[in-house]
Amino acid sequence: MRSAPGISTPAEQDNMDEVMARLYRFTSILGFYKRGYVDITNRNWGTFIVRFGAVRDVYTEITQGGAHGFDCNHMPIIEDDQVRKALAFLREGRRLSRVHDAYSFLSFFKVIESQMLSERRVEWVGKNLDQLAEERAVKRIKELRDQGVDVNKHLFDSGRCAVAHASIGKIIVDPDIPADRQRIAADLCIIEALANRYIKVEVGVPDEMDVYSNRDRLVPWYSLMKSEAVEALKAGGAVEDARQLGQLEGATVSVNLWPHPPADQFREMTLLPTDSGDGVLRFVTLSSRGTIVLAFAMDVANGKLHTLLNECGLRQGAEIAEQDIEDFTRYFHSVIGNGTVELRIKGGVEPVGCEVVIPVNIIPQAPEEAVQRALEQFRRSQQHA
């Protein structure tokens, strides 16, 4: 259903303002992280969690499918109050861009204006206009410059001041004049790009694509290893002595398909390193009954973990049961179907997720259908044995 999601949080009924302020702060970060905006359209209070939404009054573009398709893991933590304000004004600017371009422009301008005095703001905008990469903004800047317009001054006089003020004899945005509306709408992309650049570049708040590109997924495991092993792998080398792996070798690990709990055979697997080189540590996880082997590549040099499906399987000579067939088959075909594999080392260590597999030249099977076929084949083989 393309209806608005809900957020539930503990709240005292007589202290709603404090709770709403917390939710607004959260939605400012969430919207920026997901490269859009999140607006609170209504609220309700109850003695237990309920699904609630003012369906007639909302709009959403969330298209991440499936019951567990929405992922906002690794959102940034904002501790600076000035940055919080910038995110709040950005949220309002994005929300109003479909409703009122003039007020949207003013909100985007406030992202920068709220952070610095006027002289520094003029200097900052002047330096950053040529750093913008957003195609519409680059095109509009060129159009204005071709007309001999000082873009920095234009954004302030014909944008910010024209929206905020209605002084006699001054430039204003007259709601009845189409040209005024069109001017603001045309310039909106520039000020939005500047606001976004300030938050991303100047104060370094990452969105989900920045996190995907730059986050070292393996950091939670480095504390389990000897520092010399981590340094050697980061430099593109190898681990010469298995003892350098410290607590990582032989660790008890669970393997699950995010966000679901691990299958029975994947709850307590043993992590066993196999070899290393070129900054990559290869290892397997062995199920508690010794029947299933899953293989992985820990690319420390690039901060990523990969599944190695072609090296996974049921162990030759082991006493295989139906549960082994079911768990391994579901795992194998879920990974091929872009399922996210997550490894959790026992002892409160933060989970580490694997990169998604992008299959080539195959048509993935539905995991549950593959499981049924594998079980039927296994049962037939048992009857003939």
Protein backbone atom coordinates (compact mmCIF):
# COMPACT_ATOMS: atom_id res chain seq x y z
CA MET A 1 0.00 0.00 0.00
CA ARG A 2 1.37 3.40 -0.98
CA SER A 3 0.32 4.94 2.32
CA ALA A 4 2.44 6.74 4.87
CA PRO A 5 4.47 4.70 7.37
CA GLY A 6 4.20 5.36 11.08
CA ILE A 7 6.77 5.97 13.80
CA SER A 8 6.09 4.83 17.37
CA THR A 9 8.00 6.19 20.36
CA PRO A 10 7.48 6.24 24.16
CA ALA A 11 5.69 9.42 25.22
CA GLU A 12 4.04 10.92 28.27
CA GLN A 13 0.66 12.32 27.27
CA ASP A 14 1.28 15.64 29.03
CA ASN A 15 4.73 16.13 27.46
CA MET A 16 4.01 15.85 23.75
CA ASP A 17 6.05 18.88 22.66
CA GLU A 18 9.30 17.31 23.82
CA VAL A 19 8.42 14.07 22.05
CA MET A 20 7.44 15.83 18.82
CA ALA A 21 10.71 17.80 18.87
CA ARG A 22 12.57 14.48 19.10
CA LEU A 23 10.57 13.09 16.18
CA TYR A 24 11.20 16.17 14.05
CA ARG A 25 14.94 15.84 14.70
CA PHE A 26 14.78 12.19 13.75
CA THR A 27 12.83 12.80 10.54
CA SER A 28 15.24 15.57 9.49
CA ILE A 29 18.13 13.10 9.63
CA LEU A 30 16.13 10.23 8.14
CA GLY A 31 14.94 12.34 5.21
CA PHE A 32 18.43 13.59 4.39
CA TYR A 33 19.89 10.09 4.78
CA LYS A 34 17.33 8.65 2.34
CA ARG A 35 17.93 11.62 -0.03
CA GLY A 36 14.41 12.98 0.24
CA TYR A 37 12.27 14.26 3.06
CA VAL A 38 10.06 12.83 5.78
CA ASP A 39 7.17 14.92 7.03
CA ILE A 40 5.03 14.26 10.11
CA THR A 41 1.43 14.60 8.94
CA ASN A 42 -0.50 13.68 12.08
CA ARG A 43 -0.11 12.13 15.49
CA ASN A 44 -1.98 9.95 17.93
CA TRP A 45 -1.40 8.83 21.50
CA GLY A 46 -2.35 5.53 23.11
CA THR A 47 -1.44 3.15 25.88
CA PHE A 48 0.02 0.66 23.38
CA ILE A 49 1.58 0.77 19.91
CA VAL A 50 -0.94 1.06 17.09
CA ARG A 51 -0.64 1.52 13.32
CA PHE A 52 -1.81 5.04 12.61
CA GLY A 53 -1.85 7.34 9.61
CA ALA A 54 -4.06 10.10 8.21
CA VAL A 55 -4.33 8.29 4.88
CA ARG A 56 -6.23 11.00 3.01
CA ASP A 57 -3.71 13.71 3.84
CA VAL A 58 -0.42 12.02 2.99
CA TYR A 59 1.87 11.38 0.06
CA THR A 60 4.74 8.94 -0.18
CA GLU A 61 7.25 7.81 -2.78
CA ILE A 62 8.65 4.89 -0.81
CA THR A 63 9.16 2.08 -3.32
CA GLN A 64 11.51 -0.28 -1.47
CA GLY A 65 9.42 -3.41 -1.71
CA GLY A 66 8.76 -6.33 0.56
CA ALA A 67 7.76 -6.63 4.17
CA HIS A 68 11.32 -5.73 5.22
CA GLY A 69 12.37 -3.62 2.25
CA PHE A 70 13.03 -0.34 4.07
CA ASP A 71 16.56 0.03 5.43
CA CYS A 72 17.88 3.07 7.29
CA ASN A 73 20.76 1.35 9.06
CA HIS A 74 23.89 3.41 9.83
CA MET A 75 22.17 6.79 9.93
CA PRO A 76 24.52 9.54 11.15
CA ILE A 77 24.34 10.85 14.70
CA ILE A 78 23.98 14.65 14.81
CA GLU A 79 25.32 16.23 17.99
CA ASP A 80 25.96 19.79 16.76
CA ASP A 81 22.89 22.00 17.24
CA GLN A 82 23.81 24.22 14.29
CA VAL A 83 23.89 21.20 11.99
CA ARG A 84 20.55 20.09 13.43
CA LYS A 85 19.04 23.44 12.41
CA ALA A 86 20.49 23.16 8.91
CA LEU A 87 18.89 19.73 8.50
CA ALA A 88 15.57 21.07 9.79
CA PHE A 89 15.52 23.90 7.25
CA LEU A 90 16.52 21.46 4.49
CA ARG A 91 13.63 19.19 5.45
CA GLU A 92 11.21 22.10 5.23
CA GLY A 93 12.66 23.22 1.90
CA ARG A 94 12.25 19.78 0.35
CA ARG A 95 8.75 19.39 1.76
CA LEU A 96 7.62 22.76 0.37
CA SER A 97 9.17 22.29 -3.09
CA ARG A 98 6.00 20.53 -4.23
CA VAL A 99 3.75 22.96 -2.42
CA HIS A 100 5.15 26.52 -2.45
CA ASP A 101 8.36 27.26 -4.40
CA ALA A 102 8.92 30.68 -2.81
CA TYR A 103 8.82 29.38 0.75
CA SER A 104 10.84 26.37 -0.32
CA PHE A 105 13.51 28.74 -1.66
CA LEU A 106 13.55 30.65 1.63
CA SER A 107 13.95 27.46 3.66
CA PHE A 108 16.88 26.29 1.53
CA PHE A 109 18.49 29.72 1.88
CA LYS A 110 18.11 29.47 5.67
CA VAL A 111 20.22 26.30 5.63
CA ILE A 112 23.23 28.48 4.80
CA GLU A 113 22.09 31.72 6.43
CA SER A 114 21.59 30.00 9.79
CA GLN A 115 25.18 28.80 9.85
CA MET A 116 27.27 31.94 9.23
CA LEU A 117 27.33 35.72 9.26
CA SER A 118 26.39 37.56 6.05
CA GLU A 119 29.96 38.36 4.91
CA ARG A 120 31.06 34.75 5.25
CA ARG A 121 27.85 33.56 3.59
CA VAL A 122 28.52 35.73 0.52
CA GLU A 123 32.08 34.40 0.38
CA TRP A 124 30.98 30.77 0.83
CA VAL A 125 28.28 30.94 -1.86
CA GLY A 126 30.72 32.61 -4.26
CA LYS A 127 33.27 29.85 -3.78
CA ASN A 128 30.78 27.00 -4.05
CA LEU A 129 28.64 28.00 -7.05
CA ASP A 130 31.24 26.53 -9.41
CA GLN A 131 31.53 23.38 -7.30
CA LEU A 132 27.92 22.32 -7.85
CA ALA A 133 27.41 19.14 -9.87
CA GLU A 134 23.60 19.03 -10.03
CA GLU A 135 22.78 19.33 -13.75
CA ARG A 136 19.83 21.70 -13.46
CA ALA A 137 21.74 24.03 -11.13
CA VAL A 138 24.77 24.15 -13.45
CA LYS A 139 22.53 24.93 -16.41
CA ARG A 140 20.65 27.70 -14.56
CA ILE A 141 23.87 29.32 -13.32
CA LYS A 142 25.14 29.45 -16.91
CA GLU A 143 21.87 31.00 -18.11
CA LEU A 144 22.09 33.75 -15.50
CA ARG A 145 25.76 34.45 -16.17
CA ASP A 146 25.10 34.62 -19.91
CA GLN A 147 22.63 37.41 -19.08
CA GLY A 148 25.33 39.27 -17.14
CA VAL A 149 23.77 38.45 -13.75
CA ASP A 150 25.84 38.20 -10.57
CA VAL A 151 24.39 34.88 -9.39
CA ASN A 152 25.45 35.29 -5.76
CA LYS A 153 23.79 38.71 -5.47
CA HIS A 154 20.80 37.53 -7.53
CA LEU A 155 20.07 34.67 -5.12
CA PHE A 156 19.98 37.10 -2.20
CA ASP A 157 18.21 40.10 -3.75
CA SER A 158 15.80 38.44 -6.18
CA GLY A 159 15.42 35.28 -4.14
CA ARG A 160 15.81 35.43 -0.40
CA CYS A 161 14.85 39.10 0.14
CA ALA A 162 12.17 39.08 -2.56
CA VAL A 163 10.45 36.18 -0.80
CA ALA A 164 10.96 37.32 2.80
CA HIS A 165 10.01 40.99 2.33
CA ALA A 166 7.33 43.04 0.60
CA SER A 167 8.82 46.53 0.98
CA ILE A 168 7.57 49.37 -1.20
CA GLY A 169 9.84 49.96 -4.16
CA LYS A 170 11.89 46.78 -3.55
CA ILE A 171 12.06 43.56 -5.55
CA ILE A 172 9.38 41.19 -4.29
CA VAL A 173 7.79 37.94 -5.34
CA ASP A 174 4.29 38.98 -6.33
CA PRO A 175 1.99 35.95 -6.12
CA ASP A 176 -0.13 37.36 -8.97
CA ILE A 177 2.74 37.76 -11.45
CA PRO A 178 3.65 34.55 -13.33
CA ALA A 179 7.16 35.82 -14.14
CA ASP A 180 7.96 36.16 -10.42
CA ARG A 181 6.81 32.61 -9.76
CA GLN A 182 8.78 31.34 -12.75
CA ARG A 183 11.96 33.13 -11.63
CA ILE A 184 11.85 31.60 -8.17
CA ALA A 185 11.03 28.14 -9.58
CA ALA A 186 13.97 28.39 -12.01
CA ASP A 187 16.42 29.45 -9.28
CA LEU A 188 15.20 26.88 -6.75
CA CYS A 189 17.57 24.19 -8.04
CA ILE A 190 20.62 26.40 -7.34
CA ILE A 191 19.81 27.20 -3.74
CA GLU A 192 18.77 23.60 -3.04
CA ALA A 193 22.07 22.34 -4.46
CA LEU A 194 23.99 24.84 -2.32
CA ALA A 195 22.06 23.83 0.80
CA ASN A 196 22.68 20.16 0.11
CA ARG A 197 26.38 20.80 -0.55
CA TYR A 198 26.76 22.71 2.71
CA ILE A 199 25.40 19.80 4.73
CA LYS A 200 27.21 17.05 2.81
CA VAL A 201 30.57 18.72 2.19
CA GLU A 202 30.99 21.59 4.64
CA VAL A 203 29.80 19.76 7.78
CA GLY A 204 30.20 16.21 6.47
CA VAL A 205 26.79 14.64 7.06
CA PRO A 206 26.60 11.49 4.89
CA ASP A 207 23.53 10.18 3.09
CA GLU A 208 22.95 6.48 2.43
CA MET A 209 24.96 6.48 -0.81
CA ASP A 210 27.95 8.08 0.94
CA VAL A 211 27.71 5.44 3.66
CA TYR A 212 27.44 2.65 1.08
CA SER A 213 30.50 3.94 -0.80
CA ASN A 214 32.76 4.82 2.13
CA ARG A 215 31.83 2.83 5.24
CA ASP A 216 34.31 0.18 6.33
CA ARG A 217 31.91 -2.69 7.13
CA LEU A 218 34.61 -4.69 8.91
CA VAL A 219 35.42 -2.23 11.71
CA PRO A 220 33.48 -4.25 14.36
CA TRP A 221 35.80 -7.21 13.80
CA TYR A 222 39.11 -5.36 13.94
CA SER A 223 39.04 -5.26 17.74
CA LEU A 224 39.01 -9.07 17.76
CA MET A 225 42.21 -9.28 15.70
CA LYS A 226 45.83 -8.38 16.44
CA SER A 227 46.57 -4.84 15.20
CA GLU A 228 49.47 -6.11 13.06
CA ALA A 229 47.10 -8.42 11.17
CA VAL A 230 44.67 -5.59 10.45
CA GLU A 231 47.50 -3.30 9.31
CA ALA A 232 48.98 -5.97 7.04
CA LEU A 233 45.65 -6.71 5.36
CA LYS A 234 44.77 -3.02 5.00
CA ALA A 235 48.10 -2.52 3.21
CA GLY A 236 47.15 -5.26 0.73
CA GLY A 237 49.24 -7.97 2.33
CA ALA A 238 48.53 -11.27 4.09
CA VAL A 239 48.41 -12.75 7.58
CA GLU A 240 51.50 -14.89 8.06
CA ASP A 241 50.63 -16.31 11.48
CA ALA A 242 47.08 -17.53 12.26
CA ARG A 243 47.59 -16.42 15.88
CA GLN A 244 47.45 -12.81 14.64
CA LEU A 245 43.74 -13.31 13.99
CA GLY A 246 43.16 -13.40 17.72
CA GLN A 247 39.55 -14.03 18.75
CA LEU A 248 38.37 -14.12 15.14
CA GLU A 249 39.74 -17.63 14.61
CA GLY A 250 37.28 -20.18 15.96
CA ALA A 251 34.69 -17.55 16.87
CA THR A 252 31.07 -18.61 17.20
CA VAL A 253 29.09 -16.83 14.51
CA SER A 254 25.49 -16.81 13.34
CA VAL A 255 24.66 -16.24 9.67
CA ASN A 256 21.29 -14.77 8.75
CA LEU A 257 19.48 -13.15 5.85
CA TRP A 258 18.78 -9.59 7.04
CA PRO A 259 16.51 -8.78 8.79
CA HIS A 260 15.36 -12.33 9.54
CA PRO A 261 16.77 -14.50 12.35
CA PRO A 262 19.29 -17.19 11.38
CA ALA A 263 18.12 -20.61 10.22
CA ASP A 264 18.51 -23.48 12.67
CA GLN A 265 21.77 -24.77 11.15
CA PHE A 266 23.24 -21.24 10.95
CA ARG A 267 22.73 -20.19 14.57
CA GLU A 268 26.05 -21.32 16.03
CA MET A 269 28.61 -21.83 13.30
CA THR A 270 32.37 -21.90 13.81
CA LEU A 271 34.51 -19.38 11.90
CA LEU A 272 37.63 -20.99 10.42
CA PRO A 273 40.15 -18.92 8.38
CA THR A 274 41.51 -20.70 5.29
CA ASP A 275 44.02 -18.37 3.61
CA SER A 276 44.84 -14.73 2.94
CA GLY A 277 46.54 -12.49 0.39
CA ASP A 278 46.21 -9.16 -1.42
CA GLY A 279 44.42 -7.68 1.58
CA VAL A 280 41.77 -10.42 1.64
CA LEU A 281 41.18 -12.96 4.40
CA ARG A 282 39.19 -15.98 3.27
CA PHE A 283 37.29 -18.08 5.79
CA VAL A 284 34.48 -20.60 6.14
CA THR A 285 31.78 -21.05 8.75
CA LEU A 286 30.93 -24.63 9.73
CA SER A 287 27.54 -25.61 11.13
CA SER A 288 27.40 -27.16 14.61
CA ARG A 289 26.56 -30.61 13.17
CA GLY A 290 29.42 -30.34 10.68
CA THR A 291 27.08 -30.66 7.71
CA ILE A 292 27.12 -27.19 6.04
CA VAL A 293 30.06 -25.04 4.97
CA LEU A 294 29.59 -21.38 4.01
CA ALA A 295 32.53 -19.49 2.49
CA PHE A 296 33.35 -15.77 2.68
CA ALA A 297 36.01 -13.27 1.62
CA MET A 298 36.89 -10.54 4.12
CA ASP A 299 38.31 -7.78 1.90
CA VAL A 300 40.04 -5.72 4.58
CA ALA A 301 41.82 -3.55 2.02
CA ASN A 302 38.43 -2.26 0.81
CA GLY A 303 36.40 -2.71 4.01
CA LYS A 304 33.90 -5.19 2.54
CA LEU A 305 32.70 -8.73 3.14
CA HIS A 306 31.65 -11.03 0.28
CA THR A 307 29.85 -14.36 0.08
CA LEU A 308 31.60 -17.07 -1.97
CA LEU A 309 28.66 -19.14 -3.19
CA ASN A 310 30.73 -21.38 -5.46
CA GLU A 311 32.68 -22.60 -2.40
CA CYS A 312 29.63 -23.22 -0.17
CA GLY A 313 27.81 -26.51 0.16
CA LEU A 314 26.89 -29.63 2.09
CA ARG A 315 29.94 -31.54 3.35
CA GLN A 316 30.81 -34.74 1.57
CA GLY A 317 30.45 -37.78 3.82
CA ALA A 318 28.46 -35.92 6.51
CA GLU A 319 25.12 -37.25 7.70
CA ILE A 320 22.79 -34.84 5.90
CA ALA A 321 19.25 -34.24 7.23
CA GLU A 322 16.24 -32.51 5.68
CA GLN A 323 16.89 -29.43 7.83
CA ASP A 324 20.34 -29.09 6.25
CA ILE A 325 18.86 -29.27 2.75
CA GLU A 326 16.19 -26.71 3.58
CA ASP A 327 18.46 -24.20 5.32
CA PHE A 328 21.28 -24.33 2.77
CA THR A 329 18.98 -24.21 -0.28
CA ARG A 330 17.07 -21.23 1.06
CA TYR A 331 20.36 -19.47 1.84
CA PHE A 332 21.88 -20.19 -1.58
CA HIS A 333 18.90 -19.03 -3.64
CA SER A 334 18.17 -16.05 -1.39
CA VAL A 335 21.71 -14.77 -1.92
CA ILE A 336 21.38 -15.20 -5.68
CA GLY A 337 18.10 -13.27 -5.41
CA ASN A 338 19.93 -10.29 -3.80
CA GLY A 339 19.31 -11.25 -0.17
CA THR A 340 21.58 -9.48 2.32
CA VAL A 341 23.73 -11.87 4.36
CA GLU A 342 24.70 -10.72 7.85
CA LEU A 343 27.24 -12.30 10.20
CA ARG A 344 27.03 -11.88 13.98
CA ILE A 345 29.89 -12.96 16.19
CA LYS A 346 28.75 -14.11 19.61
CA GLY A 347 29.49 -11.69 22.43
CA GLY A 348 27.73 -8.47 21.49
CA VAL A 349 29.88 -7.58 18.47
CA GLU A 350 28.09 -5.39 15.91
CA PRO A 351 26.88 -7.45 12.92
CA VAL A 352 28.74 -7.27 9.60
CA GLY A 353 26.79 -7.41 6.35
CA CYS A 354 27.96 -8.89 3.05
CA GLU A 355 27.82 -7.18 -0.32
CA VAL A 356 24.76 -8.05 -2.41
CA VAL A 357 25.38 -10.58 -5.20
CA ILE A 358 24.45 -9.37 -8.70
CA PRO A 359 23.82 -12.55 -10.76
CA VAL A 360 24.75 -12.55 -14.44
CA ASN A 361 23.19 -14.61 -17.27
CA ILE A 362 20.85 -16.57 -15.00
CA ILE A 363 17.22 -16.38 -13.99
CA PRO A 364 17.07 -16.63 -10.17
CA GLN A 365 14.63 -19.14 -8.69
CA ALA A 366 12.19 -18.22 -5.95
CA PRO A 367 13.90 -19.51 -2.75
CA GLU A 368 10.83 -21.31 -1.37
CA GLU A 369 10.22 -23.09 -4.68
CA ALA A 370 13.88 -24.11 -4.81
CA VAL A 371 13.62 -25.44 -1.25
CA GLN A 372 10.61 -27.62 -2.10
CA ARG A 373 12.33 -29.08 -5.16
CA ALA A 374 15.52 -29.78 -3.21
CA LEU A 375 13.58 -31.51 -0.41
CA GLU A 376 11.63 -33.64 -2.88
CA GLN A 377 14.85 -34.68 -4.61
CA PHE A 378 16.49 -35.48 -1.26
CA ARG A 379 13.53 -37.61 -0.16
CA ARG A 380 13.59 -39.57 -3.41
CA SER A 381 17.32 -40.20 -3.01
CA GLN A 382 16.74 -41.47 0.52
CA GLN A 383 14.09 -43.88 -0.67
CA HIS A 384 16.44 -45.33 -3.30
CA ALA A 385 19.38 -45.54 -0.92
